[in-house]
Protein backbone atom coordinates (compact mmCIF):
# COMPACT_ATOMS: atom_id res chain seq x y z
CA UNK A 1 -52.16 19.24 34.46
CA UNK A 2 -55.37 18.70 34.06
CA UNK A 3 -57.77 22.02 34.73
CA UNK A 4 -60.89 22.56 36.56
CA UNK A 5 -62.45 25.05 34.18
CA UNK A 6 -65.54 23.75 32.76
CA UNK A 7 -64.50 23.72 29.21
CA UNK A 8 -67.85 24.26 27.86
CA UNK A 9 -67.74 27.77 29.58
CA UNK A 10 -64.81 28.58 28.07
CA UNK A 11 -66.46 28.61 24.41
CA UNK A 12 -69.37 30.32 25.43
CA UNK A 13 -67.28 33.09 27.24
CA UNK A 14 -65.24 33.41 24.07
CA UNK A 15 -68.52 34.49 22.26
CA UNK A 16 -69.86 36.74 24.59
CA UNK A 17 -66.51 38.48 25.28
CA UNK A 18 -66.06 39.50 21.46
CA UNK A 19 -69.76 39.87 20.64
CA UNK A 20 -70.74 42.03 18.37
CA UNK A 21 -67.44 40.85 16.39
CA UNK A 22 -67.30 37.71 14.92
CA UNK A 23 -64.60 35.48 16.49
CA UNK A 24 -61.48 34.49 14.78
CA UNK A 25 -60.79 30.54 14.80
CA UNK A 26 -57.57 29.95 13.37
CA UNK A 27 -57.02 25.64 12.31
CA UNK A 28 -53.49 24.62 13.01
CA UNK A 29 -52.16 21.21 12.53
CA UNK A 30 -50.73 19.48 15.30
CA UNK A 31 -47.24 18.34 15.25
CA UNK A 32 -46.54 21.11 12.26
CA UNK A 33 -43.19 21.77 12.14
CA UNK A 34 -42.58 19.90 15.17
CA UNK A 35 -44.26 18.33 18.02
CA UNK A 36 -42.41 21.16 20.17
CA UNK A 37 -43.25 23.92 18.22
CA UNK A 38 -47.29 23.09 18.76
CA UNK A 39 -47.87 24.86 21.64
CA UNK A 40 -45.81 27.76 21.11
CA UNK A 41 -47.73 28.47 18.03
CA UNK A 42 -51.04 28.40 19.74
CA UNK A 43 -49.77 31.02 22.30
CA UNK A 44 -48.55 33.35 19.12
CA UNK A 45 -52.08 32.26 17.84
CA UNK A 46 -53.72 34.31 20.80
CA UNK A 47 -51.35 36.77 20.94
CA UNK A 48 -52.42 37.56 17.07
CA UNK A 49 -56.13 37.79 18.22
CA UNK A 50 -57.15 34.23 18.08
CA UNK A 51 -60.47 33.64 20.35
CA UNK A 52 -60.23 29.92 19.72
CA UNK A 53 -58.08 27.95 18.33
CA UNK A 54 -59.07 24.66 16.57
CA UNK A 55 -56.08 21.95 16.47
CA UNK A 56 -55.92 19.34 13.63
CA UNK A 57 -55.27 15.96 14.80
CA UNK A 58 -52.78 14.42 12.20
CA UNK A 59 -54.60 11.70 10.13
CA UNK A 60 -53.19 9.44 6.91
CA UNK A 61 -56.77 10.06 5.14
CA UNK A 62 -57.96 13.62 5.81
CA UNK A 63 -60.71 13.52 3.48
CA UNK A 64 -61.91 17.29 3.88
CA UNK A 65 -58.68 18.51 3.72
CA UNK A 66 -56.80 20.02 0.61
CA UNK A 67 -52.95 19.52 -0.04
CA UNK A 68 -51.75 22.23 2.09
CA UNK A 69 -53.44 20.83 5.28
CA UNK A 70 -52.72 17.21 3.73
CA UNK A 71 -49.06 18.28 3.85
CA UNK A 72 -48.78 19.35 7.48
CA UNK A 73 -50.32 16.31 8.63
CA UNK A 74 -48.17 13.71 6.70
CA UNK A 75 -45.04 16.05 8.16
CA UNK A 76 -46.66 15.22 11.70
CA UNK A 77 -47.09 11.66 10.91
CA UNK A 78 -43.57 10.99 10.27
CA UNK A 79 -42.73 12.60 13.11
CA UNK A 80 -44.50 10.28 14.95
CA UNK A 81 -47.34 12.38 16.56
CA UNK A 82 -51.29 10.73 17.07
CA UNK A 83 -53.84 11.54 19.79
CA UNK A 84 -51.74 11.19 22.35
CA UNK A 85 -48.80 13.48 21.50
CA UNK A 86 -51.71 16.35 20.67
CA UNK A 87 -53.53 15.77 24.05
CA UNK A 88 -50.04 16.58 25.55
CA UNK A 89 -49.92 19.38 23.44
CA UNK A 90 -53.67 21.08 24.55
CA UNK A 91 -52.12 20.01 28.33
CA UNK A 92 -48.81 22.11 27.72
CA UNK A 93 -50.66 25.24 26.42
CA UNK A 94 -52.76 24.93 29.29
CA UNK A 95 -50.02 25.76 31.86
CA UNK A 96 -49.91 29.26 30.40
CA UNK A 97 -53.38 29.83 28.89
CA UNK A 98 -56.80 28.70 31.40
CA UNK A 99 -58.75 31.20 29.07
CA UNK A 100 -58.83 30.54 25.25
CA UNK A 101 -61.13 27.47 23.98
CA UNK A 102 -59.71 24.78 22.11
CA UNK A 103 -61.19 23.00 19.93
CA UNK A 104 -59.89 19.06 18.49
CA UNK A 105 -60.81 18.61 14.60
CA UNK A 106 -60.07 15.56 12.91
CA UNK A 107 -61.17 11.88 12.17
CA UNK A 108 -63.17 8.88 13.96
CA UNK A 109 -60.39 6.53 13.64
CA UNK A 110 -57.77 7.87 16.21
CA UNK A 111 -60.74 8.58 18.40
CA UNK A 112 -61.99 4.69 17.80
CA UNK A 113 -58.85 3.22 18.50
CA UNK A 114 -57.92 4.77 21.83
CA UNK A 115 -61.97 4.11 23.31
CA UNK A 116 -64.54 7.23 23.12
CA UNK A 117 -64.78 6.72 27.01
CA UNK A 118 -60.57 7.14 27.38
CA UNK A 119 -60.90 9.90 24.95
CA UNK A 120 -63.34 11.70 26.32
CA UNK A 121 -61.88 11.13 30.01
CA UNK A 122 -58.31 12.29 28.65
CA UNK A 123 -59.32 15.04 26.54
CA UNK A 124 -61.17 16.93 29.44
CA UNK A 125 -58.25 16.45 31.66
CA UNK A 126 -55.98 17.82 28.98
CA UNK A 127 -58.20 21.25 28.75
CA UNK A 128 -59.98 20.40 25.80
CA UNK A 129 -62.83 22.15 24.90
CA UNK A 130 -65.07 20.50 22.17
CA UNK A 131 -64.13 18.34 19.20
CA UNK A 132 -65.07 18.47 15.70
CA UNK A 133 -65.06 14.86 14.42
CA UNK A 134 -65.72 14.99 10.66
CA UNK A 135 -66.80 11.38 9.96
CA UNK A 136 -69.07 11.22 13.38
CA UNK A 137 -72.79 11.91 11.72
CA UNK A 138 -75.01 13.54 14.25
CA UNK A 139 -77.76 10.45 13.54
CA UNK A 140 -74.92 7.90 15.41
CA UNK A 141 -73.18 9.73 17.69
CA UNK A 142 -75.75 9.89 20.73
CA UNK A 143 -73.42 7.98 22.95
CA UNK A 144 -70.40 9.80 22.35
CA UNK A 145 -72.67 12.96 22.26
CA UNK A 146 -73.62 12.07 25.94
CA UNK A 147 -70.48 11.70 27.37
CA UNK A 148 -68.91 14.75 25.85
CA UNK A 149 -71.60 16.91 27.41
CA UNK A 150 -71.52 14.91 30.74
CA UNK A 151 -67.61 16.12 30.92
CA UNK A 152 -68.51 19.34 29.91
CA UNK A 153 -66.95 19.29 26.43
CA UNK A 154 -68.73 20.40 23.11
CA UNK A 155 -69.72 18.10 19.97
CA UNK A 156 -69.08 20.45 17.12
CA UNK A 157 -70.20 19.42 13.83
CA UNK A 158 -70.06 20.26 10.18
CA UNK A 159 -72.80 21.45 7.73
CA UNK A 160 -72.41 22.02 4.16
CA UNK A 161 -73.67 23.73 0.80
CA UNK A 162 -75.61 20.23 0.10
CA UNK A 163 -76.85 20.07 3.50
CA UNK A 164 -81.04 19.44 3.83
CA UNK A 165 -83.11 20.75 6.22
CA UNK A 166 -83.42 17.43 7.76
CA UNK A 167 -79.55 17.02 8.27
CA UNK A 168 -79.63 20.59 9.54
CA UNK A 169 -82.10 19.48 12.49
CA UNK A 170 -80.15 16.04 13.11
CA UNK A 171 -77.18 18.39 13.70
CA UNK A 172 -79.17 20.86 15.90
CA UNK A 173 -80.34 18.21 18.08
CA UNK A 174 -76.74 17.77 19.51
CA UNK A 175 -74.63 20.10 18.18
CA UNK A 176 -73.01 22.47 21.17
CA UNK A 177 -70.16 25.25 21.82
CA UNK A 178 -70.85 26.49 17.58
CA UNK A 179 -71.47 24.58 14.16
CA UNK A 180 -68.80 24.73 11.47
CA UNK A 181 -70.65 25.38 8.06
CA UNK A 182 -68.18 24.36 5.16
CA UNK A 183 -68.90 27.39 2.65
CA UNK A 184 -67.57 25.88 -0.02
CA UNK A 185 -67.95 22.14 -1.84
CA UNK A 186 -65.02 20.34 -2.12
CA UNK A 187 -62.01 20.16 0.36
CA UNK A 188 -60.19 23.30 2.32
CA UNK A 189 -58.56 25.86 0.11
CA UNK A 190 -60.57 25.26 -2.67
CA UNK A 191 -62.52 27.51 -4.96
CA UNK A 192 -63.80 31.39 -3.92
CA UNK A 193 -66.56 32.63 -2.03
CA UNK A 194 -70.00 33.34 -2.89
CA UNK A 195 -70.81 35.72 0.36
CA UNK A 196 -74.49 36.17 -0.67
CA UNK A 197 -75.40 32.75 -1.33
CA UNK A 198 -73.48 32.08 2.18
CA UNK A 199 -75.70 34.50 3.86
CA UNK A 200 -78.56 32.78 2.50
CA UNK A 201 -77.24 29.29 3.54
CA UNK A 202 -76.29 30.80 7.30
CA UNK A 203 -80.30 32.22 7.50
CA UNK A 204 -81.93 28.92 6.37
CA UNK A 205 -79.59 27.37 9.42
CA UNK A 206 -80.21 29.91 12.07
CA UNK A 207 -83.94 29.13 11.75
CA UNK A 208 -82.53 25.28 13.51
CA UNK A 209 -79.36 26.03 15.10
CA UNK A 210 -79.10 28.14 18.18
CA UNK A 211 -75.35 28.36 18.89
CA UNK A 212 -73.00 30.28 16.49
CA UNK A 213 -72.59 29.44 13.19
CA UNK A 214 -68.73 29.89 11.65
CA UNK A 215 -67.89 30.05 8.47
CA UNK A 216 -64.87 28.61 6.87
CA UNK A 217 -63.10 27.08 3.68
CA UNK A 218 -62.12 29.51 0.78
CA UNK A 219 -61.07 32.62 3.57
CA UNK A 220 -57.70 33.56 2.36
CA UNK A 221 -57.25 36.91 2.84
CA UNK A 222 -58.40 40.26 5.08
CA UNK A 223 -60.96 41.12 2.65
CA UNK A 224 -62.63 37.99 2.80
CA UNK A 225 -62.68 37.95 5.95
CA UNK A 226 -64.10 41.10 6.47
CA UNK A 227 -67.09 39.69 4.06
CA UNK A 228 -67.82 36.81 5.59
CA UNK A 229 -67.60 38.22 9.24
CA UNK A 230 -70.39 40.48 8.20
CA UNK A 231 -72.34 37.11 7.72
CA UNK A 232 -71.09 35.00 10.33
CA UNK A 233 -70.42 34.88 14.00
CA UNK A 234 -67.35 33.15 13.54
CA UNK A 235 -64.39 33.37 10.57
CA UNK A 236 -62.62 29.91 10.69
CA UNK A 237 -59.07 30.09 8.40
CA UNK A 238 -56.29 27.41 8.01
CA UNK A 239 -55.12 27.02 4.83
CA UNK A 240 -53.97 30.25 4.32
CA UNK A 241 -52.43 30.64 7.81
CA UNK A 242 -50.64 26.79 7.12
CA UNK A 243 -49.15 28.02 3.92
CA UNK A 244 -47.44 31.19 5.79
CA UNK A 245 -45.39 29.05 8.30
CA UNK A 246 -44.62 26.19 5.57
CA UNK A 247 -43.60 28.98 3.55
CA UNK A 248 -41.43 30.69 6.70
CA UNK A 249 -40.25 27.02 7.64
CA UNK A 250 -38.52 26.39 3.78
CA UNK A 251 -36.72 29.23 4.15
CA UNK A 252 -35.36 28.88 7.23
CA UNK A 253 -34.49 25.41 5.47
CA UNK A 254 -32.78 27.58 2.65
CA UNK A 255 -30.82 29.61 5.04
CA UNK A 256 -29.92 26.60 6.75
CA UNK A 257 -31.77 27.04 10.12
CA UNK A 258 -31.69 24.39 13.01
CA UNK A 259 -34.89 22.62 13.81
CA UNK A 260 -35.49 25.05 16.71
CA UNK A 261 -34.86 28.01 14.97
CA UNK A 262 -37.74 26.41 12.07
CA UNK A 263 -39.92 26.14 15.01
CA UNK A 264 -39.61 29.81 15.89
CA UNK A 265 -39.87 31.04 12.30
CA UNK A 266 -43.24 29.31 11.91
CA UNK A 267 -44.84 30.76 15.43
CA UNK A 268 -43.77 34.16 14.14
CA UNK A 269 -44.97 33.80 10.82
CA UNK A 270 -48.46 32.33 11.92
CA UNK A 271 -48.42 35.51 14.22
CA UNK A 272 -47.81 38.12 11.60
CA UNK A 273 -49.87 36.51 9.32
CA UNK A 274 -53.13 36.19 11.75
CA UNK A 275 -52.67 39.48 12.98
CA UNK A 276 -53.10 41.44 10.22
CA UNK A 277 -56.58 39.28 9.72
CA UNK A 278 -57.52 40.00 13.19
CA UNK A 279 -57.31 43.46 12.77
CA UNK A 280 -59.54 43.33 10.06
CA UNK A 281 -62.37 42.24 11.95
CA UNK A 282 -62.10 44.89 14.66
CA UNK A 283 -64.49 46.74 12.79
CA UNK A 284 -66.77 44.00 11.64
CA UNK A 285 -70.12 43.31 13.34
CA UNK A 286 -71.28 40.09 13.36
CA UNK A 287 -75.20 39.87 11.99
CA UNK A 288 -76.57 38.63 15.67
CA UNK A 289 -75.95 39.02 18.80
CA UNK A 290 -74.93 35.91 20.82
CA UNK A 291 -78.04 35.36 23.15
CA UNK A 292 -77.91 31.46 23.45
CA UNK A 293 -75.45 29.79 25.72
CA UNK A 294 -73.02 28.17 23.48
CA UNK A 295 -73.05 24.99 25.26
CA UNK A 296 -76.28 24.34 24.17
């Protein structure tokens, strides 16, 4: 089922709707614990308070992902889940949810194998709102960025503590929707947050970037989400969320639960864990009102 909604409008509307609090953006891996479970997990996240969903595309060599997300990705790959199936999951989600933005996060190889033009066409039809490709540098994606913009989808980029002013300016030229600031050096799920340092880096980024800036990596609980939420436009959280799902699945397997029951356990665990983060963010005000259109 294709959607006629201008997908970039969904991202802009999501940020406008929740201002002044920061947006809550959970990340889950497509196909974990099963391909059939993913749309249900996505709906569970929305019920728990997700404003935008990042949906990971399984890939065999995920350079930016820590062991938890790698395990989930490997599990999905063993079940044969690829980019085509991920788009089918988004399409299934869209049958019941035309409002919540969905951003695909992954790597260049699956897109290149499909072909950029075909990917953009199929992603738009499925109802994707944005794409973050970890290994697409901003200085090399002008053609892809133009195709994405023409299709009404946002091209989203990572920035890191090591990003130079030059790199930030390059991202500013092509970034749409929001920018994902990686708060720690290394891979997802590692290290401890220095919120003061994050705040300083966000100030520097905002001198060039006019779309919202979300922060991910290292946010593991309500306390860290609240602290980061005071300086960020969005909280992006994946590793601990997926851990909660893995723990529920492991308990179900020990109890002899069938595959359908494991899917239900995973969705419920995701809902319950994210609900706590959502509640913690309700009283937090992000540092700036979102006045720019997120599509710019």
